């Protein structure tokens, strides 16, 4: 948000104030915006966790991603990275699967939030492995646990992994994109590395309260699309391994509906409930 807001502000001729409402897996912020006036002045920068994964793990949410919001546009999305300790005797995802199946009661994974837990559980379901969930408070702690040998692996967002990967303290085995990611050209996809042919991409994007006039939604979408194409913004997003989007409200809504169904099935199969 802080990357694109100044450029969007220029185009809209309006100051954009970023108000942080942290906590509760973004439920507090989402509910606040969902109940705000649908006039285009209060928007939610909603990530995958709040919009597609909370519905999968909470039986009672104070908002519905599809009923209470008008999707505007995705800023961008990114794959996750599967990493293991550098001393673990595996060099591919196939090696990791074989290693895990030989030690079903010993292997585990770290995860700091629902997106990473669900990603690892999808991996379990598609490979027949039984990595056990060990919760941590942040992605930094999750990769730290891998470095310290406290857990076998983690599937995480790229930025906190950059330092440990470059320092050789962890090994990256794969990215969860359908094809190799430009930010990580040396990392194979899960399928290339002998794993399941699955794609996991997390997003962040703008949502307005339901009932916001379509003309306002379209105007803001145009500014998102314009901003993410600017060279300086693309460079900043690239540093965070985010692929710029700027898609249409209809395209964004379809992605959210698809992902809610996907993650609900994963959570149900793994019996993951947050309440």
C-alpha atoms as a PDB file:
ATOM      1  CA  UNK A   1       0.000   0.000   0.000  1.00  0.00           C
ATOM      2  CA  UNK A   2       2.720   2.452   0.976  1.00  0.00           C
ATOM      3  CA  UNK A   3       4.465   1.665  -2.319  1.00  0.00           C
ATOM      4  CA  UNK A   4       1.544   2.541  -4.619  1.00  0.00           C
ATOM      5  CA  UNK A   5      -0.368   5.093  -2.496  1.00  0.00           C
ATOM      6  CA  UNK A   6       1.681   8.199  -3.423  1.00  0.00           C
ATOM      7  CA  UNK A   7       1.323   7.554  -7.160  1.00  0.00           C
ATOM      8  CA  UNK A   8      -2.375   6.774  -6.831  1.00  0.00           C
ATOM      9  CA  UNK A   9      -2.833   9.940  -4.818  1.00  0.00           C
ATOM     10  CA  UNK A  10      -1.300  11.976  -7.651  1.00  0.00           C
ATOM     11  CA  UNK A  11      -3.656  10.476 -10.205  1.00  0.00           C
ATOM     12  CA  UNK A  12      -6.783  10.755  -8.076  1.00  0.00           C
ATOM     13  CA  UNK A  13      -6.027  14.253  -6.828  1.00  0.00           C
ATOM     14  CA  UNK A  14      -6.777  13.023  -3.301  1.00  0.00           C
ATOM     15  CA  UNK A  15      -4.568  12.397  -0.307  1.00  0.00           C
ATOM     16  CA  UNK A  16      -4.446   8.722   0.657  1.00  0.00           C
ATOM     17  CA  UNK A  17      -4.057   8.102   4.371  1.00  0.00           C
ATOM     18  CA  UNK A  18      -2.906   4.646   5.416  1.00  0.00           C
ATOM     19  CA  UNK A  19      -4.550   3.622   8.691  1.00  0.00           C
ATOM     20  CA  UNK A  20      -3.209   0.457  10.267  1.00  0.00           C
ATOM     21  CA  UNK A  21      -5.690  -1.769  12.075  1.00  0.00           C
ATOM     22  CA  UNK A  22      -3.585  -4.799  12.964  1.00  0.00           C
ATOM     23  CA  UNK A  23      -4.547  -7.997  14.680  1.00  0.00           C
ATOM     24  CA  UNK A  24      -6.881 -10.980  14.465  1.00  0.00           C
ATOM     25  CA  UNK A  25      -5.706 -12.137  11.011  1.00  0.00           C
ATOM     26  CA  UNK A  26      -6.901  -8.798   9.497  1.00  0.00           C
ATOM     27  CA  UNK A  27     -10.474  -9.426  10.706  1.00  0.00           C
ATOM     28  CA  UNK A  28     -10.602  -6.092  12.576  1.00  0.00           C
ATOM     29  CA  UNK A  29      -9.594  -4.094   9.504  1.00  0.00           C
ATOM     30  CA  UNK A  30     -11.864  -6.038   7.145  1.00  0.00           C
ATOM     31  CA  UNK A  31     -14.912  -5.641   9.360  1.00  0.00           C
ATOM     32  CA  UNK A  32     -14.235  -1.911   9.772  1.00  0.00           C
ATOM     33  CA  UNK A  33     -14.173  -1.313   6.021  1.00  0.00           C
ATOM     34  CA  UNK A  34     -17.089  -3.658   5.311  1.00  0.00           C
ATOM     35  CA  UNK A  35     -19.264  -1.525   7.617  1.00  0.00           C
ATOM     36  CA  UNK A  36     -17.995   1.817   6.274  1.00  0.00           C
ATOM     37  CA  UNK A  37     -19.950   4.089   3.942  1.00  0.00           C
ATOM     38  CA  UNK A  38     -19.775   2.850   0.313  1.00  0.00           C
ATOM     39  CA  UNK A  39     -18.507   6.164  -1.030  1.00  0.00           C
ATOM     40  CA  UNK A  40     -15.011   5.224  -2.186  1.00  0.00           C
ATOM     41  CA  UNK A  41     -13.255   7.050   0.633  1.00  0.00           C
ATOM     42  CA  UNK A  42     -12.610   4.022   2.855  1.00  0.00           C
ATOM     43  CA  UNK A  43     -10.899   1.044   1.239  1.00  0.00           C
ATOM     44  CA  UNK A  44      -9.450  -2.222   2.498  1.00  0.00           C
ATOM     45  CA  UNK A  45      -6.079  -3.395   1.286  1.00  0.00           C
ATOM     46  CA  UNK A  46      -6.980  -7.032   1.675  1.00  0.00           C
ATOM     47  CA  UNK A  47      -4.458  -9.860   1.409  1.00  0.00           C
ATOM     48  CA  UNK A  48      -5.162 -13.481   0.577  1.00  0.00           C
ATOM     49  CA  UNK A  49      -5.342 -14.406   4.243  1.00  0.00           C
ATOM     50  CA  UNK A  50      -8.238 -12.097   5.023  1.00  0.00           C
ATOM     51  CA  UNK A  51     -10.145 -12.622   1.778  1.00  0.00           C
ATOM     52  CA  UNK A  52      -9.680 -16.290   0.891  1.00  0.00           C
ATOM     53  CA  UNK A  53      -8.303 -18.134   3.930  1.00  0.00           C
ATOM     54  CA  UNK A  54     -10.190 -16.680   6.887  1.00  0.00           C
ATOM     55  CA  UNK A  55     -13.452 -17.909   5.320  1.00  0.00           C
ATOM     56  CA  UNK A  56     -11.889 -21.382   5.206  1.00  0.00           C
ATOM     57  CA  UNK A  57     -10.867 -21.577   8.862  1.00  0.00           C
ATOM     58  CA  UNK A  58     -13.385 -19.392  10.741  1.00  0.00           C
ATOM     59  CA  UNK A  59     -16.940 -20.673  11.063  1.00  0.00           C
ATOM     60  CA  UNK A  60     -18.138 -17.213  12.059  1.00  0.00           C
ATOM     61  CA  UNK A  61     -16.615 -14.189  10.339  1.00  0.00           C
ATOM     62  CA  UNK A  62     -18.049 -10.674  10.815  1.00  0.00           C
ATOM     63  CA  UNK A  63     -17.716 -10.090   7.063  1.00  0.00           C
ATOM     64  CA  UNK A  64     -18.072 -11.948   3.769  1.00  0.00           C
ATOM     65  CA  UNK A  65     -15.324 -11.277   1.210  1.00  0.00           C
ATOM     66  CA  UNK A  66     -17.780 -11.547  -1.690  1.00  0.00           C
ATOM     67  CA  UNK A  67     -21.022 -10.205  -0.197  1.00  0.00           C
ATOM     68  CA  UNK A  68     -19.647  -7.301   1.855  1.00  0.00           C
ATOM     69  CA  UNK A  69     -17.014  -6.012  -0.573  1.00  0.00           C
ATOM     70  CA  UNK A  70     -16.764  -4.708  -4.104  1.00  0.00           C
ATOM     71  CA  UNK A  71     -13.415  -5.885  -5.436  1.00  0.00           C
ATOM     72  CA  UNK A  72     -11.381  -3.137  -7.133  1.00  0.00           C
ATOM     73  CA  UNK A  73      -8.035  -4.483  -8.291  1.00  0.00           C
ATOM     74  CA  UNK A  74      -5.113  -6.659  -7.293  1.00  0.00           C
ATOM     75  CA  UNK A  75      -1.874  -4.771  -6.684  1.00  0.00           C
ATOM     76  CA  UNK A  76       0.136  -7.917  -7.263  1.00  0.00           C
ATOM     77  CA  UNK A  77       0.746 -11.487  -6.211  1.00  0.00           C
ATOM     78  CA  UNK A  78       3.674 -13.698  -5.322  1.00  0.00           C
ATOM     79  CA  UNK A  79       4.557 -17.368  -4.864  1.00  0.00           C
ATOM     80  CA  UNK A  80       5.838 -18.952  -1.673  1.00  0.00           C
ATOM     81  CA  UNK A  81       9.180 -20.681  -1.181  1.00  0.00           C
ATOM     82  CA  UNK A  82       9.773 -24.109   0.320  1.00  0.00           C
ATOM     83  CA  UNK A  83      12.952 -24.077   2.417  1.00  0.00           C
ATOM     84  CA  UNK A  84      14.789 -26.609   4.576  1.00  0.00           C
ATOM     85  CA  UNK A  85      17.866 -26.508   6.789  1.00  0.00           C
ATOM     86  CA  UNK A  86      21.069 -26.440   4.754  1.00  0.00           C
ATOM     87  CA  UNK A  87      22.327 -29.584   6.528  1.00  0.00           C
ATOM     88  CA  UNK A  88      19.212 -31.661   5.833  1.00  0.00           C
ATOM     89  CA  UNK A  89      20.212 -34.512   3.465  1.00  0.00           C
ATOM     90  CA  UNK A  90      17.757 -33.556   0.719  1.00  0.00           C
ATOM     91  CA  UNK A  91      18.350 -31.611  -2.472  1.00  0.00           C
ATOM     92  CA  UNK A  92      14.942 -31.687  -4.142  1.00  0.00           C
ATOM     93  CA  UNK A  93      11.274 -31.822  -3.252  1.00  0.00           C
ATOM     94  CA  UNK A  94      11.262 -35.503  -4.246  1.00  0.00           C
ATOM     95  CA  UNK A  95      14.099 -36.089  -1.757  1.00  0.00           C
ATOM     96  CA  UNK A  96      12.099 -34.251   0.915  1.00  0.00           C
ATOM     97  CA  UNK A  97       8.986 -36.347   0.267  1.00  0.00           C
ATOM     98  CA  UNK A  98      11.018 -39.571   0.500  1.00  0.00           C
ATOM     99  CA  UNK A  99      12.727 -38.305   3.662  1.00  0.00           C
ATOM    100  CA  UNK A 100       9.366 -37.456   5.245  1.00  0.00           C
ATOM    101  CA  UNK A 101       7.707 -40.750   4.348  1.00  0.00           C
ATOM    102  CA  UNK A 102      10.592 -42.628   5.973  1.00  0.00           C
ATOM    103  CA  UNK A 103      10.103 -40.603   9.202  1.00  0.00           C
ATOM    104  CA  UNK A 104       6.376 -39.797   9.393  1.00  0.00           C
ATOM    105  CA  UNK A 105       6.388 -39.103  13.138  1.00  0.00           C
ATOM    106  CA  UNK A 106       9.523 -36.937  13.091  1.00  0.00           C
ATOM    107  CA  UNK A 107       8.919 -34.353  10.368  1.00  0.00           C
ATOM    108  CA  UNK A 108       7.245 -30.989  10.903  1.00  0.00           C
ATOM    109  CA  UNK A 109       6.883 -27.489   9.504  1.00  0.00           C
ATOM    110  CA  UNK A 110       6.786 -23.968  10.909  1.00  0.00           C
ATOM    111  CA  UNK A 111       4.018 -21.536  10.003  1.00  0.00           C
ATOM    112  CA  UNK A 112       3.208 -18.093  11.365  1.00  0.00           C
ATOM    113  CA  UNK A 113      -0.228 -17.540   9.801  1.00  0.00           C
ATOM    114  CA  UNK A 114      -3.081 -19.309   8.060  1.00  0.00           C
ATOM    115  CA  UNK A 115      -1.717 -18.905   4.503  1.00  0.00           C
ATOM    116  CA  UNK A 116       1.484 -20.754   5.316  1.00  0.00           C
ATOM    117  CA  UNK A 117      -0.254 -23.450   7.380  1.00  0.00           C
ATOM    118  CA  UNK A 118      -2.770 -24.098   4.620  1.00  0.00           C
ATOM    119  CA  UNK A 119       0.004 -24.171   2.013  1.00  0.00           C
ATOM    120  CA  UNK A 120       1.887 -26.811   3.998  1.00  0.00           C
ATOM    121  CA  UNK A 121      -1.273 -28.838   4.572  1.00  0.00           C
ATOM    122  CA  UNK A 122      -2.025 -28.756   0.837  1.00  0.00           C
ATOM    123  CA  UNK A 123       1.510 -30.086   0.321  1.00  0.00           C
ATOM    124  CA  UNK A 124       0.777 -32.871   2.844  1.00  0.00           C
ATOM    125  CA  UNK A 125      -2.467 -33.764   1.102  1.00  0.00           C
ATOM    126  CA  UNK A 126      -0.965 -33.853  -2.382  1.00  0.00           C
ATOM    127  CA  UNK A 127       2.143 -35.838  -1.399  1.00  0.00           C
ATOM    128  CA  UNK A 128       0.826 -38.181   1.290  1.00  0.00           C
ATOM    129  CA  UNK A 129       3.301 -36.791   3.827  1.00  0.00           C
ATOM    130  CA  UNK A 130       2.553 -36.028   7.470  1.00  0.00           C
ATOM    131  CA  UNK A 131       4.504 -32.885   8.333  1.00  0.00           C
ATOM    132  CA  UNK A 132       3.161 -31.666  11.684  1.00  0.00           C
ATOM    133  CA  UNK A 133       2.328 -27.983  12.227  1.00  0.00           C
ATOM    134  CA  UNK A 134       4.479 -26.002  14.681  1.00  0.00           C
ATOM    135  CA  UNK A 135       3.164 -22.426  15.107  1.00  0.00           C
ATOM    136  CA  UNK A 136       5.428 -19.378  15.208  1.00  0.00           C
ATOM    137  CA  UNK A 137       4.668 -15.669  15.533  1.00  0.00           C
ATOM    138  CA  UNK A 138       6.272 -14.408  12.321  1.00  0.00           C
ATOM    139  CA  UNK A 139       7.830 -15.559   9.063  1.00  0.00           C
ATOM    140  CA  UNK A 140      11.180 -14.454  10.464  1.00  0.00           C
ATOM    141  CA  UNK A 141      10.730 -16.838  13.396  1.00  0.00           C
ATOM    142  CA  UNK A 142       9.547 -19.585  11.041  1.00  0.00           C
ATOM    143  CA  UNK A 143      12.671 -19.478   8.902  1.00  0.00           C
ATOM    144  CA  UNK A 144      14.738 -19.074  12.078  1.00  0.00           C
ATOM    145  CA  UNK A 145      13.302 -22.360  13.334  1.00  0.00           C
ATOM    146  CA  UNK A 146      14.374 -24.045  10.096  1.00  0.00           C
ATOM    147  CA  UNK A 147      17.868 -22.556  10.453  1.00  0.00           C
ATOM    148  CA  UNK A 148      18.112 -23.805  14.037  1.00  0.00           C
ATOM    149  CA  UNK A 149      16.978 -27.305  13.082  1.00  0.00           C
ATOM    150  CA  UNK A 150      13.855 -27.031  15.252  1.00  0.00           C
ATOM    151  CA  UNK A 151      11.594 -27.888  12.314  1.00  0.00           C
ATOM    152  CA  UNK A 152      12.098 -29.784   9.064  1.00  0.00           C
ATOM    153  CA  UNK A 153      10.782 -27.205   6.631  1.00  0.00           C
ATOM    154  CA  UNK A 154       8.605 -24.185   6.036  1.00  0.00           C
ATOM    155  CA  UNK A 155       6.623 -22.819   3.094  1.00  0.00           C
ATOM    156  CA  UNK A 156       6.800 -19.070   3.435  1.00  0.00           C
ATOM    157  CA  UNK A 157       6.701 -15.624   1.836  1.00  0.00           C
ATOM    158  CA  UNK A 158       9.970 -14.761   0.052  1.00  0.00           C
ATOM    159  CA  UNK A 159      11.289 -11.543   1.716  1.00  0.00           C
ATOM    160  CA  UNK A 160      12.273 -13.008   5.132  1.00  0.00           C
ATOM    161  CA  UNK A 161      13.964 -15.937   3.380  1.00  0.00           C
ATOM    162  CA  UNK A 162      16.275 -13.834   1.206  1.00  0.00           C
ATOM    163  CA  UNK A 163      19.002 -13.317   3.830  1.00  0.00           C
ATOM    164  CA  UNK A 164      19.129 -16.933   5.065  1.00  0.00           C
ATOM    165  CA  UNK A 165      19.122 -18.238   1.480  1.00  0.00           C
ATOM    166  CA  UNK A 166      21.946 -15.946   0.386  1.00  0.00           C
ATOM    167  CA  UNK A 167      23.861 -16.788   3.552  1.00  0.00           C
ATOM    168  CA  UNK A 168      23.553 -20.514   2.898  1.00  0.00           C
ATOM    169  CA  UNK A 169      21.767 -21.141   6.197  1.00  0.00           C
ATOM    170  CA  UNK A 170      18.749 -22.668   4.475  1.00  0.00           C
ATOM    171  CA  UNK A 171      18.182 -24.383   1.135  1.00  0.00           C
ATOM    172  CA  UNK A 172      15.404 -23.336  -1.191  1.00  0.00           C
ATOM    173  CA  UNK A 173      13.903 -26.409  -2.825  1.00  0.00           C
ATOM    174  CA  UNK A 174      11.082 -24.897  -4.877  1.00  0.00           C
ATOM    175  CA  UNK A 175       8.727 -22.011  -5.548  1.00  0.00           C
ATOM    176  CA  UNK A 176       4.975 -22.561  -5.533  1.00  0.00           C
ATOM    177  CA  UNK A 177       4.326 -20.868  -8.878  1.00  0.00           C
ATOM    178  CA  UNK A 178       3.237 -22.663 -12.049  1.00  0.00           C
ATOM    179  CA  UNK A 179       6.459 -21.629 -13.761  1.00  0.00           C
ATOM    180  CA  UNK A 180       9.807 -20.391 -12.479  1.00  0.00           C
ATOM    181  CA  UNK A 181       9.601 -17.001 -10.829  1.00  0.00           C
ATOM    182  CA  UNK A 182      11.718 -14.195 -12.353  1.00  0.00           C
ATOM    183  CA  UNK A 183      12.863 -13.203  -8.866  1.00  0.00           C
ATOM    184  CA  UNK A 184      14.098 -16.756  -8.178  1.00  0.00           C
ATOM    185  CA  UNK A 185      15.198 -18.124 -11.572  1.00  0.00           C
ATOM    186  CA  UNK A 186      17.378 -20.850 -10.036  1.00  0.00           C
ATOM    187  CA  UNK A 187      14.548 -22.315  -7.957  1.00  0.00           C
ATOM    188  CA  UNK A 188      12.445 -24.956  -9.730  1.00  0.00           C
ATOM    189  CA  UNK A 189       8.683 -25.218  -9.419  1.00  0.00           C
ATOM    190  CA  UNK A 190       7.285 -27.906  -7.119  1.00  0.00           C
ATOM    191  CA  UNK A 191       6.531 -30.110 -10.125  1.00  0.00           C
ATOM    192  CA  UNK A 192      10.006 -29.610 -11.614  1.00  0.00           C
ATOM    193  CA  UNK A 193      11.564 -30.620  -8.293  1.00  0.00           C
ATOM    194  CA  UNK A 194       9.661 -33.909  -8.169  1.00  0.00           C
ATOM    195  CA  UNK A 195       6.753 -32.658  -6.097  1.00  0.00           C
ATOM    196  CA  UNK A 196       3.050 -32.128  -6.717  1.00  0.00           C
ATOM    197  CA  UNK A 197       1.842 -29.982  -9.609  1.00  0.00           C
ATOM    198  CA  UNK A 198       0.196 -27.321  -7.457  1.00  0.00           C
ATOM    199  CA  UNK A 199       0.302 -23.545  -7.624  1.00  0.00           C
ATOM    200  CA  UNK A 200       0.073 -21.263  -4.596  1.00  0.00           C
ATOM    201  CA  UNK A 201       0.140 -17.514  -5.092  1.00  0.00           C
ATOM    202  CA  UNK A 202      -0.817 -14.968  -2.452  1.00  0.00           C
ATOM    203  CA  UNK A 203      -2.109 -11.535  -3.358  1.00  0.00           C
ATOM    204  CA  UNK A 204      -2.879  -8.146  -1.963  1.00  0.00           C
ATOM    205  CA  UNK A 205      -5.333  -5.719  -3.460  1.00  0.00           C
ATOM    206  CA  UNK A 206      -7.978  -3.071  -2.951  1.00  0.00           C
ATOM    207  CA  UNK A 207     -11.568  -3.703  -1.911  1.00  0.00           C
ATOM    208  CA  UNK A 208     -14.386  -1.208  -1.319  1.00  0.00           C
ATOM    209  CA  UNK A 209     -17.518  -1.687   0.809  1.00  0.00           C
ATOM    210  CA  UNK A 210     -20.329  -3.408  -1.092  1.00  0.00           C
ATOM    211  CA  UNK A 211     -22.615  -0.883  -2.740  1.00  0.00           C
ATOM    212  CA  UNK A 212     -19.824   1.462  -3.796  1.00  0.00           C
ATOM    213  CA  UNK A 213     -20.875   2.959  -7.168  1.00  0.00           C
ATOM    214  CA  UNK A 214     -19.311   1.143 -10.102  1.00  0.00           C
ATOM    215  CA  UNK A 215     -17.999   4.405 -11.542  1.00  0.00           C
ATOM    216  CA  UNK A 216     -15.933   4.950  -8.373  1.00  0.00           C
ATOM    217  CA  UNK A 217     -14.699   1.349  -8.377  1.00  0.00           C
ATOM    218  CA  UNK A 218     -13.646   1.682 -12.025  1.00  0.00           C
ATOM    219  CA  UNK A 219     -11.868   5.000 -11.417  1.00  0.00           C
ATOM    220  CA  UNK A 220      -9.787   3.588  -8.572  1.00  0.00           C
ATOM    221  CA  UNK A 221      -9.062   0.425 -10.567  1.00  0.00           C
ATOM    222  CA  UNK A 222      -7.684   2.550 -13.394  1.00  0.00           C
ATOM    223  CA  UNK A 223      -5.302   4.249 -10.965  1.00  0.00           C
ATOM    224  CA  UNK A 224      -4.124   0.945  -9.506  1.00  0.00           C
ATOM    225  CA  UNK A 225      -3.450  -0.372 -13.023  1.00  0.00           C
ATOM    226  CA  UNK A 226      -1.602   2.812 -13.959  1.00  0.00           C
ATOM    227  CA  UNK A 227       0.470   2.935 -10.766  1.00  0.00           C
ATOM    228  CA  UNK A 228       1.707  -0.673 -10.868  1.00  0.00           C
ATOM    229  CA  UNK A 229       2.970  -0.180 -14.439  1.00  0.00           C
ATOM    230  CA  UNK A 230       5.252   2.710 -13.468  1.00  0.00           C
ATOM    231  CA  UNK A 231       8.951   1.689 -13.621  1.00  0.00           C
ATOM    232  CA  UNK A 232       9.760   2.876 -10.094  1.00  0.00           C
ATOM    233  CA  UNK A 233       6.770   1.010  -8.642  1.00  0.00           C
ATOM    234  CA  UNK A 234       7.577  -2.164 -10.577  1.00  0.00           C
ATOM    235  CA  UNK A 235      11.131  -1.980  -9.224  1.00  0.00           C
ATOM    236  CA  UNK A 236       9.887  -1.665  -5.642  1.00  0.00           C
ATOM    237  CA  UNK A 237       7.444  -4.531  -6.078  1.00  0.00           C
ATOM    238  CA  UNK A 238      10.137  -6.654  -7.701  1.00  0.00           C
ATOM    239  CA  UNK A 239      12.320  -6.190  -4.614  1.00  0.00           C
ATOM    240  CA  UNK A 240       9.501  -7.830  -2.646  1.00  0.00           C
ATOM    241  CA  UNK A 241       9.090 -10.612  -5.233  1.00  0.00           C
ATOM    242  CA  UNK A 242       5.626  -9.264  -6.100  1.00  0.00           C
ATOM    243  CA  UNK A 243       4.393  -9.547  -9.694  1.00  0.00           C
ATOM    244  CA  UNK A 244       2.338  -6.410 -10.525  1.00  0.00           C
ATOM    245  CA  UNK A 245      -1.268  -6.938 -11.579  1.00  0.00           C
ATOM    246  CA  UNK A 246      -3.815  -4.113 -11.811  1.00  0.00           C
ATOM    247  CA  UNK A 247      -6.505  -6.554 -12.988  1.00  0.00           C
ATOM    248  CA  UNK A 248     -10.200  -5.724 -13.376  1.00  0.00           C
ATOM    249  CA  UNK A 249     -12.785  -5.978 -10.563  1.00  0.00           C
ATOM    250  CA  UNK A 250     -14.339  -8.983 -12.317  1.00  0.00           C
ATOM    251  CA  UNK A 251     -11.010 -10.778 -12.675  1.00  0.00           C
ATOM    252  CA  UNK A 252     -10.088 -10.083  -9.053  1.00  0.00           C
ATOM    253  CA  UNK A 253     -13.468 -11.293  -7.782  1.00  0.00           C
ATOM    254  CA  UNK A 254     -13.145 -14.537  -9.765  1.00  0.00           C
ATOM    255  CA  UNK A 255      -9.727 -15.232  -8.223  1.00  0.00           C
ATOM    256  CA  UNK A 256     -11.108 -14.691  -4.715  1.00  0.00           C
ATOM    257  CA  UNK A 257     -14.104 -16.976  -5.311  1.00  0.00           C
ATOM    258  CA  UNK A 258     -11.822 -19.688  -6.727  1.00  0.00           C
ATOM    259  CA  UNK A 259      -9.351 -19.449  -3.850  1.00  0.00           C
ATOM    260  CA  UNK A 260     -12.044 -19.509  -1.147  1.00  0.00           C
ATOM    261  CA  UNK A 261     -13.273 -22.830  -2.550  1.00  0.00           C
ATOM    262  CA  UNK A 262      -9.719 -24.175  -2.801  1.00  0.00           C
ATOM    263  CA  UNK A 263      -8.665 -23.304   0.736  1.00  0.00           C
ATOM    264  CA  UNK A 264     -11.983 -24.336   2.286  1.00  0.00           C
ATOM    265  CA  UNK A 265     -11.438 -27.833   0.888  1.00  0.00           C
ATOM    266  CA  UNK A 266      -7.856 -27.927   2.233  1.00  0.00           C
ATOM    267  CA  UNK A 267      -8.917 -26.730   5.704  1.00  0.00           C
ATOM    268  CA  UNK A 268     -11.760 -29.233   5.863  1.00  0.00           C
ATOM    269  CA  UNK A 269      -9.506 -32.135   4.882  1.00  0.00           C
ATOM    270  CA  UNK A 270      -6.889 -31.090   7.479  1.00  0.00           C
ATOM    271  CA  UNK A 271      -9.541 -30.260  10.106  1.00  0.00           C
ATOM    272  CA  UNK A 272      -8.146 -26.746  10.583  1.00  0.00           C
ATOM    273  CA  UNK A 273     -10.419 -24.472  12.596  1.00  0.00           C
ATOM    274  CA  UNK A 274      -9.439 -21.121  14.049  1.00  0.00           C
ATOM    275  CA  UNK A 275     -12.462 -20.680  16.308  1.00  0.00           C
END
